[in-house]
Protein backbone atom coordinates (compact mmCIF):
# COMPACT_ATOMS: atom_id res chain seq x y z
CA MET A 1 11.03 53.03 -8.72
CA ALA A 2 9.93 54.13 -12.43
CA ILE A 3 9.65 52.08 -15.23
CA VAL A 4 11.80 53.99 -17.89
CA ARG A 5 11.39 53.63 -21.55
CA LEU A 6 14.21 55.01 -23.55
CA PHE A 7 14.24 55.66 -27.40
CA ALA A 8 16.58 56.78 -30.40
CA ALA A 9 20.21 58.25 -28.75
CA ALA A 10 19.01 57.67 -25.38
CA ARG A 11 18.42 53.99 -25.80
CA ASP A 12 21.89 53.61 -27.81
CA ALA A 13 23.73 55.49 -24.84
CA ALA A 14 22.13 53.30 -22.34
CA GLY A 15 22.08 50.13 -24.08
CA THR A 16 18.55 49.18 -23.22
CA GLY A 17 15.26 50.43 -24.12
CA ARG A 18 13.53 49.57 -20.68
CA ASP A 19 14.64 49.74 -17.14
CA ASP A 20 13.43 50.31 -13.74
CA ILE A 21 15.12 53.16 -11.97
CA PRO A 22 14.47 54.16 -8.46
CA GLY A 23 13.31 57.80 -7.63
CA ASP A 24 10.43 59.68 -6.17
CA THR A 25 10.68 62.47 -8.82
CA VAL A 26 11.58 62.83 -12.32
CA GLY A 27 14.71 64.58 -11.16
CA ASP A 28 15.76 61.65 -8.93
CA VAL A 29 15.30 59.21 -11.94
CA LEU A 30 17.40 61.33 -14.15
CA ALA A 31 19.95 61.58 -11.39
CA ALA A 32 19.95 57.64 -11.14
CA ALA A 33 19.82 56.82 -14.88
CA SER A 34 22.84 59.17 -15.48
CA GLU A 35 24.63 57.44 -12.66
CA ARG A 36 23.65 53.76 -13.88
CA TYR A 37 24.63 54.53 -17.32
CA GLY A 38 27.31 56.79 -17.56
CA PRO A 39 28.73 60.07 -19.19
CA LYS A 40 27.45 59.20 -22.86
CA PHE A 41 24.02 58.89 -21.70
CA ASP A 42 24.58 62.03 -19.52
CA ASP A 43 25.36 63.93 -22.53
CA VAL A 44 22.15 62.63 -24.53
CA LEU A 45 20.00 63.37 -21.60
CA GLY A 46 20.61 67.13 -22.42
CA THR A 47 18.81 66.90 -25.52
CA CYS A 48 16.00 64.72 -24.36
CA LYS A 49 12.42 65.30 -23.69
CA VAL A 50 10.93 63.69 -20.71
CA TRP A 51 7.45 62.43 -20.33
CA VAL A 52 5.55 60.76 -17.42
CA ASN A 53 2.29 59.05 -18.08
CA GLY A 54 1.96 61.04 -21.47
CA GLU A 55 2.56 64.36 -20.27
CA PRO A 56 5.51 66.81 -20.38
CA ALA A 57 7.66 66.43 -17.05
CA ASP A 58 9.71 68.86 -14.94
CA PRO A 59 12.20 67.30 -12.73
CA SER A 60 10.46 68.27 -9.67
CA ASP A 61 7.42 66.18 -10.72
CA SER A 62 6.64 63.12 -8.42
CA ILE A 63 6.70 59.78 -10.39
CA GLY A 64 3.82 58.52 -8.51
CA ALA A 65 1.58 61.34 -8.94
CA ALA A 66 -0.39 59.81 -11.95
CA ALA A 67 -0.88 56.55 -10.25
CA GLN A 68 -2.10 58.32 -7.09
CA GLN A 69 -4.79 60.04 -9.37
CA ALA A 70 -6.02 56.63 -10.61
CA GLY A 71 -5.95 55.32 -7.09
CA VAL A 72 -3.52 52.39 -7.58
CA SER A 73 -0.21 51.77 -6.53
CA GLN A 74 2.69 52.21 -9.04
CA GLY A 75 3.22 48.43 -9.58
CA ASP A 76 0.07 48.02 -10.03
CA LEU A 77 -0.07 50.28 -12.78
CA ALA A 78 2.94 49.10 -14.40
CA ARG A 79 1.16 45.34 -13.96
CA TYR A 80 -2.13 46.34 -15.45
CA ALA A 81 -0.87 48.49 -18.33
CA TYR A 82 1.23 45.70 -19.51
CA ALA A 83 -1.40 43.26 -18.90
CA ARG A 84 -3.69 45.30 -21.21
CA GLY A 85 -1.31 45.70 -23.84
CA MET A 86 -0.62 49.32 -23.38
CA GLU A 87 2.76 51.07 -23.97
CA PRO A 88 3.94 54.03 -21.94
CA PRO A 89 3.71 56.70 -22.06
CA PHE A 90 -0.08 56.65 -21.13
CA SER A 91 -1.98 59.61 -19.18
CA ALA A 92 -3.92 59.40 -15.86
CA GLN A 93 -6.99 59.95 -17.84
CA THR A 94 -6.56 56.97 -20.15
CA LEU A 95 -5.73 54.90 -16.83
CA ALA A 96 -8.49 55.97 -15.31
CA GLU A 97 -10.54 54.83 -18.12
CA GLU A 98 -9.12 51.58 -18.49
CA LEU A 99 -9.66 51.16 -14.79
CA GLY A 100 -13.30 52.15 -15.03
CA GLU A 101 -12.77 55.52 -12.81
CA ALA A 102 -13.05 59.14 -12.71
CA ALA A 103 -9.91 60.73 -13.49
């Protein structure tokens, strides 16, 4: 499960700025988002840049890689980040620093 933040035209097409979308890879999450939000969102998606935890992402990239590098679960990552007032995207390095661990 990924916490997806949407901006500008993608936000308008989806009707929301934030959602939890299932998927193990970026491609899985984008496919699930397209199915959830429909053709208008799918059209906009082709013009979007996708970032995962502050880094440009490819469809094959794992959603959980940054959380695994920092030694926390994706759920813990999201809860901790929001509790600290952090807004995604944030990098694995930033998270590791916040958790007091080496990246």
